[in-house]
Amino acid sequence: KPNRAYQKNTWVYDEVNHQIIINRIEGVQFFYKIDEDHNLVMDLDKILNSSESTSRYFNQNYPAPAKAYVLKKLDN
């Protein structure tokens, strides 16, 4: 019997701020900027200061990121 309440993580592109926002099912959001080389660069300040639910997520569940990670685009 499938779990109908299951929700997946989602993402959207914020055209105003030129960011990708990842919405985790736990209620936390991760923000990534797109740099000039089309890599995704974690916006650590915005992640850590975005909401009270984000603060709870990192305080109660997982350690907060210690640095702004970069997801590099691979050239084919």
PDB file of N, CA and C in Angstrom:
ATOM      1  N   LYS A   1       0.858  -1.181   0.000  1.00  0.00           N
ATOM      2  CA  LYS A   1       0.000   0.000   0.000  1.00  0.00           C
ATOM      3  C   LYS A   1       0.902   1.243   0.000  1.00  0.00           C
ATOM      4  N   PRO A   2       0.797   2.095  -1.019  1.00  0.00           N
ATOM      5  CA  PRO A   2       1.686   3.256  -1.095  1.00  0.00           C
ATOM      6  C   PRO A   2       1.387   4.288  -0.007  1.00  0.00           C
ATOM      7  N   ASN A   3       2.431   4.971   0.399  1.00  0.00           N
ATOM      8  CA  ASN A   3       2.285   6.036   1.389  1.00  0.00           C
ATOM      9  C   ASN A   3       1.896   7.317   0.659  1.00  0.00           C
ATOM     10  N   ARG A   4       0.632   7.684   0.725  1.00  0.00           N
ATOM     11  CA  ARG A   4       0.144   8.851  -0.007  1.00  0.00           C
ATOM     12  C   ARG A   4       0.591  10.172   0.615  1.00  0.00           C
ATOM     13  N   ALA A   5       1.065  10.143   1.848  1.00  0.00           N
ATOM     14  CA  ALA A   5       1.517  11.363   2.503  1.00  0.00           C
ATOM     15  C   ALA A   5       2.975  11.679   2.188  1.00  0.00           C
ATOM     16  N   TYR A   6       3.664  10.781   1.489  1.00  0.00           N
ATOM     17  CA  TYR A   6       5.075  10.989   1.169  1.00  0.00           C
ATOM     18  C   TYR A   6       5.244  12.204   0.270  1.00  0.00           C
ATOM     19  N   GLN A   7       6.165  13.080   0.646  1.00  0.00           N
ATOM     20  CA  GLN A   7       6.463  14.245  -0.172  1.00  0.00           C
ATOM     21  C   GLN A   7       7.935  14.221  -0.541  1.00  0.00           C
ATOM     22  N   LYS A   8       8.216  14.583  -1.746  1.00  0.00           N
ATOM     23  CA  LYS A   8       9.592  14.613  -2.211  1.00  0.00           C
ATOM     24  C   LYS A   8      10.175  16.007  -2.046  1.00  0.00           C
ATOM     25  N   ASN A   9      11.500  16.076  -2.006  1.00  0.00           N
ATOM     26  CA  ASN A   9      12.179  17.355  -2.041  1.00  0.00           C
ATOM     27  C   ASN A   9      11.892  18.007  -3.391  1.00  0.00           C
ATOM     28  N   THR A  10      11.826  19.325  -3.414  1.00  0.00           N
ATOM     29  CA  THR A  10      11.566  20.044  -4.654  1.00  0.00           C
ATOM     30  C   THR A  10      12.584  21.168  -4.809  1.00  0.00           C
ATOM     31  N   TRP A  11      12.668  21.720  -5.998  1.00  0.00           N
ATOM     32  CA  TRP A  11      13.511  22.878  -6.218  1.00  0.00           C
ATOM     33  C   TRP A  11      12.823  23.816  -7.198  1.00  0.00           C
ATOM     34  N   VAL A  12      13.170  25.097  -7.078  1.00  0.00           N
ATOM     35  CA  VAL A  12      12.643  26.127  -7.979  1.00  0.00           C
ATOM     36  C   VAL A  12      13.778  27.082  -8.332  1.00  0.00           C
ATOM     37  N   TYR A  13      13.621  27.760  -9.448  1.00  0.00           N
ATOM     38  CA  TYR A  13      14.572  28.796  -9.822  1.00  0.00           C
ATOM     39  C   TYR A  13      13.954  30.146  -9.505  1.00  0.00           C
ATOM     40  N   ASP A  14      14.622  30.925  -8.664  1.00  0.00           N
ATOM     41  CA  ASP A  14      14.179  32.269  -8.288  1.00  0.00           C
ATOM     42  C   ASP A  14      14.782  33.247  -9.297  1.00  0.00           C
ATOM     43  N   GLU A  15      13.955  33.694 -10.249  1.00  0.00           N
ATOM     44  CA  GLU A  15      14.444  34.575 -11.312  1.00  0.00           C
ATOM     45  C   GLU A  15      14.876  35.937 -10.788  1.00  0.00           C
ATOM     46  N   VAL A  16      14.247  36.419  -9.727  1.00  0.00           N
ATOM     47  CA  VAL A  16      14.569  37.738  -9.182  1.00  0.00           C
ATOM     48  C   VAL A  16      15.984  37.740  -8.586  1.00  0.00           C
ATOM     49  N   ASN A  17      16.292  36.718  -7.785  1.00  0.00           N
ATOM     50  CA  ASN A  17      17.595  36.646  -7.120  1.00  0.00           C
ATOM     51  C   ASN A  17      18.598  35.754  -7.836  1.00  0.00           C
ATOM     52  N   HIS A  18      18.198  35.186  -8.976  1.00  0.00           N
ATOM     53  CA  HIS A  18      19.058  34.300  -9.764  1.00  0.00           C
ATOM     54  C   HIS A  18      19.640  33.189  -8.894  1.00  0.00           C
ATOM     55  N   GLN A  19      18.754  32.496  -8.188  1.00  0.00           N
ATOM     56  CA  GLN A  19      19.158  31.415  -7.307  1.00  0.00           C
ATOM     57  C   GLN A  19      18.282  30.197  -7.521  1.00  0.00           C
ATOM     58  N   ILE A  20      18.856  29.054  -7.223  1.00  0.00           N
ATOM     59  CA  ILE A  20      18.087  27.824  -7.150  1.00  0.00           C
ATOM     60  C   ILE A  20      17.807  27.572  -5.679  1.00  0.00           C
ATOM     61  N   ILE A  21      16.546  27.302  -5.356  1.00  0.00           N
ATOM     62  CA  ILE A  21      16.138  27.052  -3.979  1.00  0.00           C
ATOM     63  C   ILE A  21      15.677  25.604  -3.884  1.00  0.00           C
ATOM     64  N   ILE A  22      16.342  24.853  -3.025  1.00  0.00           N
ATOM     65  CA  ILE A  22      15.970  23.466  -2.788  1.00  0.00           C
ATOM     66  C   ILE A  22      15.142  23.423  -1.517  1.00  0.00           C
ATOM     67  N   ASN A  23      13.932  22.916  -1.622  1.00  0.00           N
ATOM     68  CA  ASN A  23      13.018  22.797  -0.491  1.00  0.00           C
ATOM     69  C   ASN A  23      13.029  21.353  -0.008  1.00  0.00           C
ATOM     70  N   ARG A  24      13.607  21.146   1.164  1.00  0.00           N
ATOM     71  CA  ARG A  24      13.666  19.808   1.733  1.00  0.00           C
ATOM     72  C   ARG A  24      12.366  19.497   2.459  1.00  0.00           C
ATOM     73  N   ILE A  25      11.990  18.234   2.492  1.00  0.00           N
ATOM     74  CA  ILE A  25      10.738  17.847   3.139  1.00  0.00           C
ATOM     75  C   ILE A  25      10.765  18.136   4.637  1.00  0.00           C
ATOM     76  N   GLU A  26      11.963  18.293   5.203  1.00  0.00           N
ATOM     77  CA  GLU A  26      12.087  18.600   6.629  1.00  0.00           C
ATOM     78  C   GLU A  26      11.766  20.051   6.943  1.00  0.00           C
ATOM     79  N   GLY A  27      11.551  20.884   5.914  1.00  0.00           N
ATOM     80  CA  GLY A  27      11.197  22.281   6.128  1.00  0.00           C
ATOM     81  C   GLY A  27      12.351  23.242   5.985  1.00  0.00           C
ATOM     82  N   VAL A  28      13.523  22.760   5.633  1.00  0.00           N
ATOM     83  CA  VAL A  28      14.685  23.621   5.469  1.00  0.00           C
ATOM     84  C   VAL A  28      14.888  23.923   3.985  1.00  0.00           C
ATOM     85  N   GLN A  29      15.418  25.099   3.709  1.00  0.00           N
ATOM     86  CA  GLN A  29      15.697  25.485   2.329  1.00  0.00           C
ATOM     87  C   GLN A  29      17.198  25.668   2.147  1.00  0.00           C
ATOM     88  N   PHE A  30      17.685  25.232   0.992  1.00  0.00           N
ATOM     89  CA  PHE A  30      19.077  25.447   0.614  1.00  0.00           C
ATOM     90  C   PHE A  30      19.078  26.358  -0.600  1.00  0.00           C
ATOM     91  N   PHE A  31      19.956  27.358  -0.579  1.00  0.00           N
ATOM     92  CA  PHE A  31      20.024  28.346  -1.648  1.00  0.00           C
ATOM     93  C   PHE A  31      21.358  28.223  -2.371  1.00  0.00           C
ATOM     94  N   TYR A  32      21.305  28.239  -3.703  1.00  0.00           N
ATOM     95  CA  TYR A  32      22.512  28.169  -4.522  1.00  0.00           C
ATOM     96  C   TYR A  32      22.474  29.282  -5.555  1.00  0.00           C
ATOM     97  N   LYS A  33      23.595  29.997  -5.673  1.00  0.00           N
ATOM     98  CA  LYS A  33      23.760  30.990  -6.725  1.00  0.00           C
ATOM     99  C   LYS A  33      24.439  30.315  -7.904  1.00  0.00           C
ATOM    100  N   ILE A  34      24.228  30.846  -9.086  1.00  0.00           N
ATOM    101  CA  ILE A  34      24.879  30.343 -10.279  1.00  0.00           C
ATOM    102  C   ILE A  34      26.014  31.300 -10.621  1.00  0.00           C
ATOM    103  N   ASP A  35      27.258  30.777 -10.629  1.00  0.00           N
ATOM    104  CA  ASP A  35      28.394  31.657 -10.900  1.00  0.00           C
ATOM    105  C   ASP A  35      28.635  31.786 -12.405  1.00  0.00           C
ATOM    106  N   GLU A  36      29.660  32.548 -12.769  1.00  0.00           N
ATOM    107  CA  GLU A  36      29.931  32.836 -14.186  1.00  0.00           C
ATOM    108  C   GLU A  36      30.318  31.590 -14.989  1.00  0.00           C
ATOM    109  N   ASP A  37      30.773  30.543 -14.294  1.00  0.00           N
ATOM    110  CA  ASP A  37      31.110  29.283 -14.975  1.00  0.00           C
ATOM    111  C   ASP A  37      29.955  28.286 -14.949  1.00  0.00           C
ATOM    112  N   HIS A  38      28.784  28.736 -14.541  1.00  0.00           N
ATOM    113  CA  HIS A  38      27.561  27.933 -14.444  1.00  0.00           C
ATOM    114  C   HIS A  38      27.636  26.842 -13.384  1.00  0.00           C
ATOM    115  N   ASN A  39      28.466  27.063 -12.375  1.00  0.00           N
ATOM    116  CA  ASN A  39      28.507  26.178 -11.217  1.00  0.00           C
ATOM    117  C   ASN A  39      27.478  26.662 -10.207  1.00  0.00           C
ATOM    118  N   LEU A  40      27.038  25.772  -9.330  1.00  0.00           N
ATOM    119  CA  LEU A  40      26.126  26.147  -8.252  1.00  0.00           C
ATOM    120  C   LEU A  40      26.946  26.361  -6.990  1.00  0.00           C
ATOM    121  N   VAL A  41      26.832  27.561  -6.423  1.00  0.00           N
ATOM    122  CA  VAL A  41      27.590  27.924  -5.236  1.00  0.00           C
ATOM    123  C   VAL A  41      26.613  28.123  -4.081  1.00  0.00           C
ATOM    124  N   MET A  42      26.811  27.360  -3.017  1.00  0.00           N
ATOM    125  CA  MET A  42      25.935  27.430  -1.855  1.00  0.00           C
ATOM    126  C   MET A  42      25.970  28.837  -1.249  1.00  0.00           C
ATOM    127  N   ASP A  43      24.797  29.408  -0.999  1.00  0.00           N
ATOM    128  CA  ASP A  43      24.683  30.702  -0.320  1.00  0.00           C
ATOM    129  C   ASP A  43      24.540  30.411   1.175  1.00  0.00           C
ATOM    130  N   LEU A  44      25.678  30.199   1.811  1.00  0.00           N
ATOM    131  CA  LEU A  44      25.705  29.747   3.189  1.00  0.00           C
ATOM    132  C   LEU A  44      25.030  30.732   4.139  1.00  0.00           C
ATOM    133  N   ASP A  45      25.285  32.017   3.959  1.00  0.00           N
ATOM    134  CA  ASP A  45      24.686  33.023   4.843  1.00  0.00           C
ATOM    135  C   ASP A  45      23.166  32.992   4.764  1.00  0.00           C
ATOM    136  N   LYS A  46      22.638  32.903   3.563  1.00  0.00           N
ATOM    137  CA  LYS A  46      21.178  32.883   3.395  1.00  0.00           C
ATOM    138  C   LYS A  46      20.577  31.607   3.970  1.00  0.00           C
ATOM    139  N   ILE A  47      21.282  30.475   3.793  1.00  0.00           N
ATOM    140  CA  ILE A  47      20.794  29.210   4.339  1.00  0.00           C
ATOM    141  C   ILE A  47      20.705  29.288   5.857  1.00  0.00           C
ATOM    142  N   LEU A  48      21.766  29.754   6.489  1.00  0.00           N
ATOM    143  CA  LEU A  48      21.832  29.747   7.950  1.00  0.00           C
ATOM    144  C   LEU A  48      20.927  30.780   8.598  1.00  0.00           C
ATOM    145  N   ASN A  49      20.530  31.800   7.850  1.00  0.00           N
ATOM    146  CA  ASN A  49      19.721  32.878   8.424  1.00  0.00           C
ATOM    147  C   ASN A  49      18.350  33.021   7.787  1.00  0.00           C
ATOM    148  N   SER A  50      17.893  31.986   7.074  1.00  0.00           N
ATOM    149  CA  SER A  50      16.655  32.137   6.308  1.00  0.00           C
ATOM    150  C   SER A  50      15.380  32.016   7.136  1.00  0.00           C
ATOM    151  N   SER A  51      15.375  31.140   8.158  1.00  0.00           N
ATOM    152  CA  SER A  51      14.132  30.963   8.909  1.00  0.00           C
ATOM    153  C   SER A  51      14.387  30.276  10.241  1.00  0.00           C
ATOM    154  N   GLU A  52      13.395  30.347  11.090  1.00  0.00           N
ATOM    155  CA  GLU A  52      13.462  29.678  12.390  1.00  0.00           C
ATOM    156  C   GLU A  52      13.460  28.158  12.223  1.00  0.00           C
ATOM    157  N   SER A  53      12.701  27.659  11.245  1.00  0.00           N
ATOM    158  CA  SER A  53      12.665  26.206  11.033  1.00  0.00           C
ATOM    159  C   SER A  53      14.026  25.692  10.563  1.00  0.00           C
ATOM    160  N   THR A  54      14.755  26.505   9.819  1.00  0.00           N
ATOM    161  CA  THR A  54      16.098  26.121   9.396  1.00  0.00           C
ATOM    162  C   THR A  54      17.028  26.048  10.600  1.00  0.00           C
ATOM    163  N   SER A  55      16.937  27.019  11.484  1.00  0.00           N
ATOM    164  CA  SER A  55      17.759  27.005  12.700  1.00  0.00           C
ATOM    165  C   SER A  55      17.482  25.759  13.531  1.00  0.00           C
ATOM    166  N   ARG A  56      16.210  25.422  13.688  1.00  0.00           N
ATOM    167  CA  ARG A  56      15.848  24.207  14.442  1.00  0.00           C
ATOM    168  C   ARG A  56      16.387  22.961  13.759  1.00  0.00           C
ATOM    169  N   TYR A  57      16.291  22.917  12.449  1.00  0.00           N
ATOM    170  CA  TYR A  57      16.769  21.766  11.681  1.00  0.00           C
ATOM    171  C   TYR A  57      18.250  21.512  11.975  1.00  0.00           C
ATOM    172  N   PHE A  58      19.049  22.561  11.924  1.00  0.00           N
ATOM    173  CA  PHE A  58      20.485  22.386  12.148  1.00  0.00           C
ATOM    174  C   PHE A  58      20.819  22.190  13.621  1.00  0.00           C
ATOM    175  N   ASN A  59      20.077  22.794  14.514  1.00  0.00           N
ATOM    176  CA  ASN A  59      20.351  22.628  15.946  1.00  0.00           C
ATOM    177  C   ASN A  59      19.934  21.261  16.463  1.00  0.00           C
ATOM    178  N   GLN A  60      18.862  20.703  15.925  1.00  0.00           N
ATOM    179  CA  GLN A  60      18.306  19.463  16.461  1.00  0.00           C
ATOM    180  C   GLN A  60      18.676  18.225  15.655  1.00  0.00           C
ATOM    181  N   ASN A  61      18.930  18.359  14.372  1.00  0.00           N
ATOM    182  CA  ASN A  61      19.095  17.187  13.519  1.00  0.00           C
ATOM    183  C   ASN A  61      20.491  17.000  12.946  1.00  0.00           C
ATOM    184  N   TYR A  62      20.981  18.005  12.279  1.00  0.00           N
ATOM    185  CA  TYR A  62      22.208  17.866  11.517  1.00  0.00           C
ATOM    186  C   TYR A  62      23.118  19.060  11.747  1.00  0.00           C
ATOM    187  N   PRO A  63      24.427  18.859  11.601  1.00  0.00           N
ATOM    188  CA  PRO A  63      25.323  20.019  11.693  1.00  0.00           C
ATOM    189  C   PRO A  63      25.141  20.928  10.481  1.00  0.00           C
ATOM    190  N   ALA A  64      25.257  22.217  10.705  1.00  0.00           N
ATOM    191  CA  ALA A  64      25.149  23.183   9.613  1.00  0.00           C
ATOM    192  C   ALA A  64      26.388  23.061   8.729  1.00  0.00           C
ATOM    193  N   PRO A  65      26.252  23.372   7.448  1.00  0.00           N
ATOM    194  CA  PRO A  65      27.433  23.355   6.573  1.00  0.00           C
ATOM    195  C   PRO A  65      28.496  24.315   7.108  1.00  0.00           C
ATOM    196  N   ALA A  66      29.742  23.879   7.081  1.00  0.00           N
ATOM    197  CA  ALA A  66      30.845  24.696   7.593  1.00  0.00           C
ATOM    198  C   ALA A  66      31.423  25.614   6.530  1.00  0.00           C
ATOM    199  N   LYS A  67      31.137  25.315   5.268  1.00  0.00           N
ATOM    200  CA  LYS A  67      31.636  26.154   4.179  1.00  0.00           C
ATOM    201  C   LYS A  67      30.622  26.135   3.047  1.00  0.00           C
ATOM    202  N   ALA A  68      30.774  27.088   2.139  1.00  0.00           N
ATOM    203  CA  ALA A  68      29.877  27.168   0.985  1.00  0.00           C
ATOM    204  C   ALA A  68      30.359  26.187  -0.077  1.00  0.00           C
ATOM    205  N   TYR A  69      29.655  25.085  -0.212  1.00  0.00           N
ATOM    206  CA  TYR A  69      30.032  24.069  -1.186  1.00  0.00           C
ATOM    207  C   TYR A  69      29.726  24.537  -2.601  1.00  0.00           C
ATOM    208  N   VAL A  70      30.523  24.045  -3.552  1.00  0.00           N
ATOM    209  CA  VAL A  70      30.344  24.369  -4.963  1.00  0.00           C
ATOM    210  C   VAL A  70      30.053  23.078  -5.710  1.00  0.00           C
ATOM    211  N   LEU A  71      28.943  23.063  -6.445  1.00  0.00           N
ATOM    212  CA  LEU A  71      28.622  21.939  -7.315  1.00  0.00           C
ATOM    213  C   LEU A  71      29.075  22.331  -8.722  1.00  0.00           C
ATOM    214  N   LYS A  72      30.134  21.691  -9.197  1.00  0.00           N
ATOM    215  CA  LYS A  72      30.740  22.077 -10.468  1.00  0.00           C
ATOM    216  C   LYS A  72      30.038  21.427 -11.642  1.00  0.00           C
ATOM    217  N   LYS A  73      29.826  22.234 -12.678  1.00  0.00           N
ATOM    218  CA  LYS A  73      29.245  21.729 -13.902  1.00  0.00           C
ATOM    219  C   LYS A  73      30.338  21.017 -14.699  1.00  0.00           C
ATOM    220  N   LEU A  74      30.057  19.814 -15.126  1.00  0.00           N
ATOM    221  CA  LEU A  74      31.018  19.053 -15.926  1.00  0.00           C
ATOM    222  C   LEU A  74      30.831  19.391 -17.393  1.00  0.00           C
ATOM    223  N   ASP A  75      31.930  19.593 -18.076  1.00  0.00           N
ATOM    224  CA  ASP A  75      31.884  19.840 -19.515  1.00  0.00           C
ATOM    225  C   ASP A  75      31.879  18.509 -20.229  1.00  0.00           C
ATOM    226  N   ASN A  76      30.997  18.368 -21.195  1.00  0.00           N
ATOM    227  CA  ASN A  76      30.923  17.119 -21.958  1.00  0.00           C
ATOM    228  C   ASN A  76      31.688  17.244 -23.250  1.00  0.00           C
TER     229      ASN A  76
END
